[in-house]
Amino acid sequence: MQEQDIINAVVAAIPDAQVEARMEGNHAHLTVTSTAFEGLSPVKRQQLVYSALSQAIASGAIHAVHMKTLVPGAH
């Protein structure tokens, strides 16, 4: 799976997301920034991203996901 495919999938599920993606083999490294994460626990944030990538994970195109989920302007 290509980085742009991951970006497209996440943005389709979280429209205002800013996504940085890097693939190492079938391991995805993501940084996702979105106002949709405001007020959500880290687990809920990750669940949103995993949901966007569920087909790629199920197919084996992505084996592991390492992610940071951020809210714009938060420190």
PDB file of N, CA and C in Angstrom:
ATOM      1  N   MET A   1       0.857  -1.174   0.000  1.00  0.00           N
ATOM      2  CA  MET A   1       0.000   0.000   0.000  1.00  0.00           C
ATOM      3  C   MET A   1       0.902   1.236   0.000  1.00  0.00           C
ATOM      4  N   GLN A   2       0.492   2.228  -0.748  1.00  0.00           N
ATOM      5  CA  GLN A   2       1.261   3.465  -0.870  1.00  0.00           C
ATOM      6  C   GLN A   2       0.807   4.485   0.169  1.00  0.00           C
ATOM      7  N   GLU A   3       1.712   5.386   0.508  1.00  0.00           N
ATOM      8  CA  GLU A   3       1.391   6.432   1.485  1.00  0.00           C
ATOM      9  C   GLU A   3       0.158   7.235   1.076  1.00  0.00           C
ATOM     10  N   GLN A   4       0.049   7.577  -0.210  1.00  0.00           N
ATOM     11  CA  GLN A   4      -1.086   8.383  -0.658  1.00  0.00           C
ATOM     12  C   GLN A   4      -2.406   7.643  -0.486  1.00  0.00           C
ATOM     13  N   ASP A   5      -2.395   6.324  -0.644  1.00  0.00           N
ATOM     14  CA  ASP A   5      -3.609   5.523  -0.427  1.00  0.00           C
ATOM     15  C   ASP A   5      -4.070   5.621   1.027  1.00  0.00           C
ATOM     16  N   ILE A   6      -3.109   5.597   1.941  1.00  0.00           N
ATOM     17  CA  ILE A   6      -3.428   5.717   3.362  1.00  0.00           C
ATOM     18  C   ILE A   6      -3.985   7.100   3.658  1.00  0.00           C
ATOM     19  N   ILE A   7      -3.320   8.115   3.141  1.00  0.00           N
ATOM     20  CA  ILE A   7      -3.787   9.492   3.340  1.00  0.00           C
ATOM     21  C   ILE A   7      -5.207   9.645   2.832  1.00  0.00           C
ATOM     22  N   ASN A   8      -5.466   9.140   1.632  1.00  0.00           N
ATOM     23  CA  ASN A   8      -6.810   9.247   1.045  1.00  0.00           C
ATOM     24  C   ASN A   8      -7.858   8.545   1.900  1.00  0.00           C
ATOM     25  N   ALA A   9      -7.538   7.373   2.428  1.00  0.00           N
ATOM     26  CA  ALA A   9      -8.491   6.618   3.240  1.00  0.00           C
ATOM     27  C   ALA A   9      -8.805   7.359   4.546  1.00  0.00           C
ATOM     28  N   VAL A  10      -7.786   7.908   5.177  1.00  0.00           N
ATOM     29  CA  VAL A  10      -8.013   8.617   6.443  1.00  0.00           C
ATOM     30  C   VAL A  10      -8.804   9.897   6.200  1.00  0.00           C
ATOM     31  N   VAL A  11      -8.457  10.645   5.159  1.00  0.00           N
ATOM     32  CA  VAL A  11      -9.167  11.897   4.870  1.00  0.00           C
ATOM     33  C   VAL A  11     -10.622  11.624   4.468  1.00  0.00           C
ATOM     34  N   ALA A  12     -10.870  10.509   3.808  1.00  0.00           N
ATOM     35  CA  ALA A  12     -12.255  10.160   3.449  1.00  0.00           C
ATOM     36  C   ALA A  12     -13.094   9.933   4.706  1.00  0.00           C
ATOM     37  N   ALA A  13     -12.478   9.380   5.750  1.00  0.00           N
ATOM     38  CA  ALA A  13     -13.202   9.104   6.994  1.00  0.00           C
ATOM     39  C   ALA A  13     -13.200  10.284   7.959  1.00  0.00           C
ATOM     40  N   ILE A  14     -12.129  11.089   7.904  1.00  0.00           N
ATOM     41  CA  ILE A  14     -11.980  12.239   8.803  1.00  0.00           C
ATOM     42  C   ILE A  14     -11.643  13.435   7.911  1.00  0.00           C
ATOM     43  N   PRO A  15     -12.655  14.090   7.331  1.00  0.00           N
ATOM     44  CA  PRO A  15     -12.430  15.069   6.269  1.00  0.00           C
ATOM     45  C   PRO A  15     -11.452  16.201   6.555  1.00  0.00           C
ATOM     46  N   ASP A  16     -11.353  16.677   7.790  1.00  0.00           N
ATOM     47  CA  ASP A  16     -10.438  17.793   8.040  1.00  0.00           C
ATOM     48  C   ASP A  16      -9.043  17.327   8.463  1.00  0.00           C
ATOM     49  N   ALA A  17      -8.786  16.035   8.391  1.00  0.00           N
ATOM     50  CA  ALA A  17      -7.516  15.487   8.867  1.00  0.00           C
ATOM     51  C   ALA A  17      -6.341  15.937   8.008  1.00  0.00           C
ATOM     52  N   GLN A  18      -5.261  16.249   8.692  1.00  0.00           N
ATOM     53  CA  GLN A  18      -3.966  16.456   8.064  1.00  0.00           C
ATOM     54  C   GLN A  18      -3.173  15.191   8.383  1.00  0.00           C
ATOM     55  N   VAL A  19      -2.711  14.507   7.352  1.00  0.00           N
ATOM     56  CA  VAL A  19      -2.112  13.188   7.548  1.00  0.00           C
ATOM     57  C   VAL A  19      -0.701  13.151   6.988  1.00  0.00           C
ATOM     58  N   GLU A  20       0.219  12.683   7.798  1.00  0.00           N
ATOM     59  CA  GLU A  20       1.564  12.362   7.344  1.00  0.00           C
ATOM     60  C   GLU A  20       1.680  10.849   7.433  1.00  0.00           C
ATOM     61  N   ALA A  21       2.086  10.207   6.340  1.00  0.00           N
ATOM     62  CA  ALA A  21       2.169   8.756   6.312  1.00  0.00           C
ATOM     63  C   ALA A  21       3.512   8.311   5.743  1.00  0.00           C
ATOM     64  N   ARG A  22       4.031   7.258   6.336  1.00  0.00           N
ATOM     65  CA  ARG A  22       5.267   6.654   5.851  1.00  0.00           C
ATOM     66  C   ARG A  22       5.108   5.147   5.987  1.00  0.00           C
ATOM     67  N   MET A  23       5.443   4.433   4.945  1.00  0.00           N
ATOM     68  CA  MET A  23       5.364   2.973   4.972  1.00  0.00           C
ATOM     69  C   MET A  23       6.769   2.390   5.067  1.00  0.00           C
ATOM     70  N   GLU A  24       6.916   1.377   5.894  1.00  0.00           N
ATOM     71  CA  GLU A  24       8.120   0.561   5.959  1.00  0.00           C
ATOM     72  C   GLU A  24       7.650  -0.869   5.784  1.00  0.00           C
ATOM     73  N   GLY A  25       7.769  -1.375   4.569  1.00  0.00           N
ATOM     74  CA  GLY A  25       7.193  -2.684   4.270  1.00  0.00           C
ATOM     75  C   GLY A  25       5.689  -2.580   4.374  1.00  0.00           C
ATOM     76  N   ASN A  26       5.093  -3.384   5.254  1.00  0.00           N
ATOM     77  CA  ASN A  26       3.638  -3.301   5.447  1.00  0.00           C
ATOM     78  C   ASN A  26       3.294  -2.686   6.805  1.00  0.00           C
ATOM     79  N   HIS A  27       4.233  -1.902   7.350  1.00  0.00           N
ATOM     80  CA  HIS A  27       4.000  -1.169   8.602  1.00  0.00           C
ATOM     81  C   HIS A  27       3.783   0.306   8.279  1.00  0.00           C
ATOM     82  N   ALA A  28       2.678   0.846   8.728  1.00  0.00           N
ATOM     83  CA  ALA A  28       2.339   2.247   8.486  1.00  0.00           C
ATOM     84  C   ALA A  28       2.694   3.084   9.704  1.00  0.00           C
ATOM     85  N   HIS A  29       3.328   4.214   9.454  1.00  0.00           N
ATOM     86  CA  HIS A  29       3.651   5.184  10.504  1.00  0.00           C
ATOM     87  C   HIS A  29       2.883   6.456  10.172  1.00  0.00           C
ATOM     88  N   LEU A  30       1.983   6.855  11.052  1.00  0.00           N
ATOM     89  CA  LEU A  30       1.080   7.968  10.769  1.00  0.00           C
ATOM     90  C   LEU A  30       1.126   9.036  11.848  1.00  0.00           C
ATOM     91  N   THR A  31       0.965  10.263  11.411  1.00  0.00           N
ATOM     92  CA  THR A  31       0.643  11.367  12.295  1.00  0.00           C
ATOM     93  C   THR A  31      -0.623  11.981  11.718  1.00  0.00           C
ATOM     94  N   VAL A  32      -1.681  11.974  12.506  1.00  0.00           N
ATOM     95  CA  VAL A  32      -2.975  12.482  12.056  1.00  0.00           C
ATOM     96  C   VAL A  32      -3.390  13.620  12.990  1.00  0.00           C
ATOM     97  N   THR A  33      -3.648  14.775  12.402  1.00  0.00           N
ATOM     98  CA  THR A  33      -4.085  15.947  13.151  1.00  0.00           C
ATOM     99  C   THR A  33      -5.487  16.310  12.681  1.00  0.00           C
ATOM    100  N   SER A  34      -6.421  16.451  13.639  1.00  0.00           N
ATOM    101  CA  SER A  34      -7.800  16.753  13.262  1.00  0.00           C
ATOM    102  C   SER A  34      -8.567  17.361  14.433  1.00  0.00           C
ATOM    103  N   THR A  35      -9.460  18.281  14.115  1.00  0.00           N
ATOM    104  CA  THR A  35     -10.358  18.816  15.134  1.00  0.00           C
ATOM    105  C   THR A  35     -11.369  17.753  15.580  1.00  0.00           C
ATOM    106  N   ALA A  36     -11.549  16.710  14.775  1.00  0.00           N
ATOM    107  CA  ALA A  36     -12.464  15.617  15.145  1.00  0.00           C
ATOM    108  C   ALA A  36     -11.999  14.896  16.406  1.00  0.00           C
ATOM    109  N   PHE A  37     -10.729  15.047  16.765  1.00  0.00           N
ATOM    110  CA  PHE A  37     -10.188  14.376  17.941  1.00  0.00           C
ATOM    111  C   PHE A  37     -10.436  15.149  19.240  1.00  0.00           C
ATOM    112  N   GLU A  38     -10.919  16.389  19.131  1.00  0.00           N
ATOM    113  CA  GLU A  38     -11.143  17.196  20.332  1.00  0.00           C
ATOM    114  C   GLU A  38     -12.089  16.486  21.286  1.00  0.00           C
ATOM    115  N   GLY A  39     -11.679  16.389  22.546  1.00  0.00           N
ATOM    116  CA  GLY A  39     -12.503  15.784  23.571  1.00  0.00           C
ATOM    117  C   GLY A  39     -12.507  14.266  23.580  1.00  0.00           C
ATOM    118  N   LEU A  40     -11.793  13.642  22.655  1.00  0.00           N
ATOM    119  CA  LEU A  40     -11.756  12.181  22.603  1.00  0.00           C
ATOM    120  C   LEU A  40     -10.527  11.650  23.325  1.00  0.00           C
ATOM    121  N   SER A  41     -10.672  10.486  23.914  1.00  0.00           N
ATOM    122  CA  SER A  41      -9.530   9.825  24.548  1.00  0.00           C
ATOM    123  C   SER A  41      -8.576   9.344  23.456  1.00  0.00           C
ATOM    124  N   PRO A  42      -7.331   9.077  23.814  1.00  0.00           N
ATOM    125  CA  PRO A  42      -6.391   8.547  22.818  1.00  0.00           C
ATOM    126  C   PRO A  42      -6.895   7.269  22.141  1.00  0.00           C
ATOM    127  N   VAL A  43      -7.559   6.412  22.896  1.00  0.00           N
ATOM    128  CA  VAL A  43      -8.078   5.169  22.321  1.00  0.00           C
ATOM    129  C   VAL A  43      -9.159   5.462  21.285  1.00  0.00           C
ATOM    130  N   LYS A  44     -10.076   6.381  21.585  1.00  0.00           N
ATOM    131  CA  LYS A  44     -11.145   6.727  20.637  1.00  0.00           C
ATOM    132  C   LYS A  44     -10.552   7.351  19.370  1.00  0.00           C
ATOM    133  N   ARG A  45      -9.515   8.170  19.527  1.00  0.00           N
ATOM    134  CA  ARG A  45      -8.845   8.769  18.365  1.00  0.00           C
ATOM    135  C   ARG A  45      -8.272   7.669  17.474  1.00  0.00           C
ATOM    136  N   GLN A  46      -7.572   6.720  18.104  1.00  0.00           N
ATOM    137  CA  GLN A  46      -6.980   5.627  17.335  1.00  0.00           C
ATOM    138  C   GLN A  46      -8.048   4.781  16.659  1.00  0.00           C
ATOM    139  N   GLN A  47      -9.164   4.577  17.333  1.00  0.00           N
ATOM    140  CA  GLN A  47     -10.242   3.792  16.738  1.00  0.00           C
ATOM    141  C   GLN A  47     -10.764   4.437  15.460  1.00  0.00           C
ATOM    142  N   LEU A  48     -10.854   5.770  15.439  1.00  0.00           N
ATOM    143  CA  LEU A  48     -11.284   6.464  14.215  1.00  0.00           C
ATOM    144  C   LEU A  48     -10.324   6.183  13.064  1.00  0.00           C
ATOM    145  N   VAL A  49      -9.040   6.240  13.354  1.00  0.00           N
ATOM    146  CA  VAL A  49      -8.036   6.005  12.304  1.00  0.00           C
ATOM    147  C   VAL A  49      -8.054   4.537  11.880  1.00  0.00           C
ATOM    148  N   TYR A  50      -8.087   3.616  12.831  1.00  0.00           N
ATOM    149  CA  TYR A  50      -8.149   2.192  12.491  1.00  0.00           C
ATOM    150  C   TYR A  50      -9.374   1.878  11.639  1.00  0.00           C
ATOM    151  N   SER A  51     -10.488   2.506  11.951  1.00  0.00           N
ATOM    152  CA  SER A  51     -11.710   2.292  11.172  1.00  0.00           C
ATOM    153  C   SER A  51     -11.501   2.695   9.712  1.00  0.00           C
ATOM    154  N   ALA A  52     -10.813   3.812   9.505  1.00  0.00           N
ATOM    155  CA  ALA A  52     -10.545   4.282   8.145  1.00  0.00           C
ATOM    156  C   ALA A  52      -9.652   3.314   7.376  1.00  0.00           C
ATOM    157  N   LEU A  53      -8.821   2.572   8.089  1.00  0.00           N
ATOM    158  CA  LEU A  53      -7.861   1.665   7.449  1.00  0.00           C
ATOM    159  C   LEU A  53      -8.267   0.199   7.549  1.00  0.00           C
ATOM    160  N   SER A  54      -9.485  -0.068   7.986  1.00  0.00           N
ATOM    161  CA  SER A  54      -9.905  -1.439   8.282  1.00  0.00           C
ATOM    162  C   SER A  54      -9.784  -2.393   7.095  1.00  0.00           C
ATOM    163  N   GLN A  55     -10.122  -1.938   5.896  1.00  0.00           N
ATOM    164  CA  GLN A  55     -10.027  -2.820   4.730  1.00  0.00           C
ATOM    165  C   GLN A  55      -8.579  -3.178   4.422  1.00  0.00           C
ATOM    166  N   ALA A  56      -7.698  -2.193   4.502  1.00  0.00           N
ATOM    167  CA  ALA A  56      -6.284  -2.446   4.224  1.00  0.00           C
ATOM    168  C   ALA A  56      -5.676  -3.361   5.282  1.00  0.00           C
ATOM    169  N   ILE A  57      -6.113  -3.214   6.520  1.00  0.00           N
ATOM    170  CA  ILE A  57      -5.621  -4.086   7.588  1.00  0.00           C
ATOM    171  C   ILE A  57      -6.150  -5.506   7.387  1.00  0.00           C
ATOM    172  N   ALA A  58      -7.432  -5.621   7.084  1.00  0.00           N
ATOM    173  CA  ALA A  58      -8.049  -6.944   6.871  1.00  0.00           C
ATOM    174  C   ALA A  58      -7.422  -7.681   5.697  1.00  0.00           C
ATOM    175  N   SER A  59      -7.046  -6.947   4.663  1.00  0.00           N
ATOM    176  CA  SER A  59      -6.463  -7.585   3.473  1.00  0.00           C
ATOM    177  C   SER A  59      -4.998  -7.959   3.671  1.00  0.00           C
ATOM    178  N   GLY A  60      -4.375  -7.413   4.721  1.00  0.00           N
ATOM    179  CA  GLY A  60      -2.959  -7.667   4.949  1.00  0.00           C
ATOM    180  C   GLY A  60      -2.046  -6.649   4.302  1.00  0.00           C
ATOM    181  N   ALA A  61      -2.627  -5.686   3.566  1.00  0.00           N
ATOM    182  CA  ALA A  61      -1.808  -4.639   2.939  1.00  0.00           C
ATOM    183  C   ALA A  61      -1.083  -3.825   4.007  1.00  0.00           C
ATOM    184  N   ILE A  62      -1.731  -3.681   5.160  1.00  0.00           N
ATOM    185  CA  ILE A  62      -1.105  -3.045   6.317  1.00  0.00           C
ATOM    186  C   ILE A  62      -1.114  -4.073   7.442  1.00  0.00           C
ATOM    187  N   HIS A  63       0.062  -4.356   7.979  1.00  0.00           N
ATOM    188  CA  HIS A  63       0.166  -5.334   9.063  1.00  0.00           C
ATOM    189  C   HIS A  63       0.153  -4.657  10.435  1.00  0.00           C
ATOM    190  N   ALA A  64       0.767  -3.484  10.512  1.00  0.00           N
ATOM    191  CA  ALA A  64       0.849  -2.775  11.783  1.00  0.00           C
ATOM    192  C   ALA A  64       0.733  -1.284  11.528  1.00  0.00           C
ATOM    193  N   VAL A  65       0.155  -0.590  12.500  1.00  0.00           N
ATOM    194  CA  VAL A  65      -0.002   0.862  12.400  1.00  0.00           C
ATOM    195  C   VAL A  65       0.576   1.488  13.661  1.00  0.00           C
ATOM    196  N   HIS A  66       1.496   2.412  13.462  1.00  0.00           N
ATOM    197  CA  HIS A  66       2.049   3.192  14.555  1.00  0.00           C
ATOM    198  C   HIS A  66       1.559   4.627  14.318  1.00  0.00           C
ATOM    199  N   MET A  67       0.873   5.202  15.304  1.00  0.00           N
ATOM    200  CA  MET A  67       0.278   6.510  15.019  1.00  0.00           C
ATOM    201  C   MET A  67       0.374   7.470  16.183  1.00  0.00           C
ATOM    202  N   LYS A  68       0.376   8.749  15.799  1.00  0.00           N
ATOM    203  CA  LYS A  68       0.188   9.861  16.712  1.00  0.00           C
ATOM    204  C   LYS A  68      -1.089  10.530  16.261  1.00  0.00           C
ATOM    205  N   THR A  69      -1.958  10.845  17.202  1.00  0.00           N
ATOM    206  CA  THR A  69      -3.201  11.548  16.870  1.00  0.00           C
ATOM    207  C   THR A  69      -3.190  12.859  17.649  1.00  0.00           C
ATOM    208  N   LEU A  70      -3.305  13.955  16.935  1.00  0.00           N
ATOM    209  CA  LEU A  70      -3.151  15.275  17.524  1.00  0.00           C
ATOM    210  C   LEU A  70      -4.357  16.156  17.229  1.00  0.00           C
ATOM    211  N   VAL A  71      -4.584  17.127  18.101  1.00  0.00           N
ATOM    212  CA  VAL A  71      -5.586  18.159  17.887  1.00  0.00           C
ATOM    213  C   VAL A  71      -4.823  19.417  17.483  1.00  0.00           C
ATOM    214  N   PRO A  72      -5.269  20.130  16.425  1.00  0.00           N
ATOM    215  CA  PRO A  72      -4.556  21.338  16.012  1.00  0.00           C
ATOM    216  C   PRO A  72      -4.419  22.339  17.152  1.00  0.00           C
ATOM    217  N   GLY A  73      -3.220  22.867  17.300  1.00  0.00           N
ATOM    218  CA  GLY A  73      -2.975  23.890  18.306  1.00  0.00           C
ATOM    219  C   GLY A  73      -2.772  23.369  19.714  1.00  0.00           C
ATOM    220  N   ALA A  74      -2.996  22.088  19.956  1.00  0.00           N
ATOM    221  CA  ALA A  74      -2.801  21.529  21.295  1.00  0.00           C
ATOM    222  C   ALA A  74      -1.321  21.269  21.534  1.00  0.00           C
ATOM    223  N   HIS A  75      -0.913  21.388  22.757  1.00  0.00           N
ATOM    224  CA  HIS A  75       0.488  21.167  23.090  1.00  0.00           C
ATOM    225  C   HIS A  75       0.649  19.910  23.877  1.00  0.00           C
TER     226      HIS A  75
END
